[in-house]
Amino acid sequence: MSDDHKHDHDHGHGSELSEMQLRVRALETILTEKGYVDPAALDSIIETYETKVGPHIGAQVVARAWVDPGFRKALLADASKAIAQIGLQQKVGDHLIAVENTPTTHNMIVCTLCSCYPWDLLGLPPVWYKSAPYRSRTVKEPRKVLADFGVTLPDETKVRVWDSTAETRFIVLPMRPAGTQDWPEDKLASLVTRDSMIGTGFPKAANEVSA
């Protein structure tokens, strides 16, 4: 066995890619060679979902609202206009509405007809969001659905369900976690979860994020 062959053999076993990732890469190579896929277009799509859309974008919006009362007021008045002012643009649906959780009201988002969702702020919708049980049960028994997600609310807290449409999407502005009064905006954003912006979860607690 030559040294070159041995090196290639060892390198292959040292790959950090999972079996699924290797299969995806092989499929991508085949489709590209046959002319079915443009690598530049694929790179653009991947870059969009890694940097330009996704829950990290929504988290930035929430964190800004937590630290900037003026932005919070603008967001609740007209979310589409507010996010445009900080360099973001709602491409999906004609109008974005932000609804605020308070000690007396908890908001949940659903799309009873299909899976309308503000993906440019929250990324692609999770599988459960598109499922028939979630879409039907959230309207009929929201507290039970919340319990399935591990969310328990005081009896006096009202649960309000918002139904997304092709024209109107919603994002929940969750309550700011306690003990974060002096936190900078970027650190606050690390507390915001996708589920907290749908209403099926809470933000992380202050002690869940490393200093």
Foldseek 3Di string as FASTA:
>chain_A
DDPVVVVVVVVVVVDPDDPVRVVVVVVVVVCVVVVNDDVVVVVVVVCCLVPQAAQLQLLLLLLCVVVPVVLVVVCQVFVQVSVVVVPHHQPFAAGEHEAEDDLAEFEAEAALPAQRASGRNHNDDDPVRGDNCCSPCCVVPVQVLLVVLVDHHPPRRHYYYDHADRHYHYWYNYDQAPPCPPPDSVQSSQQDDSCVRRRSDHGHHPVVDDD
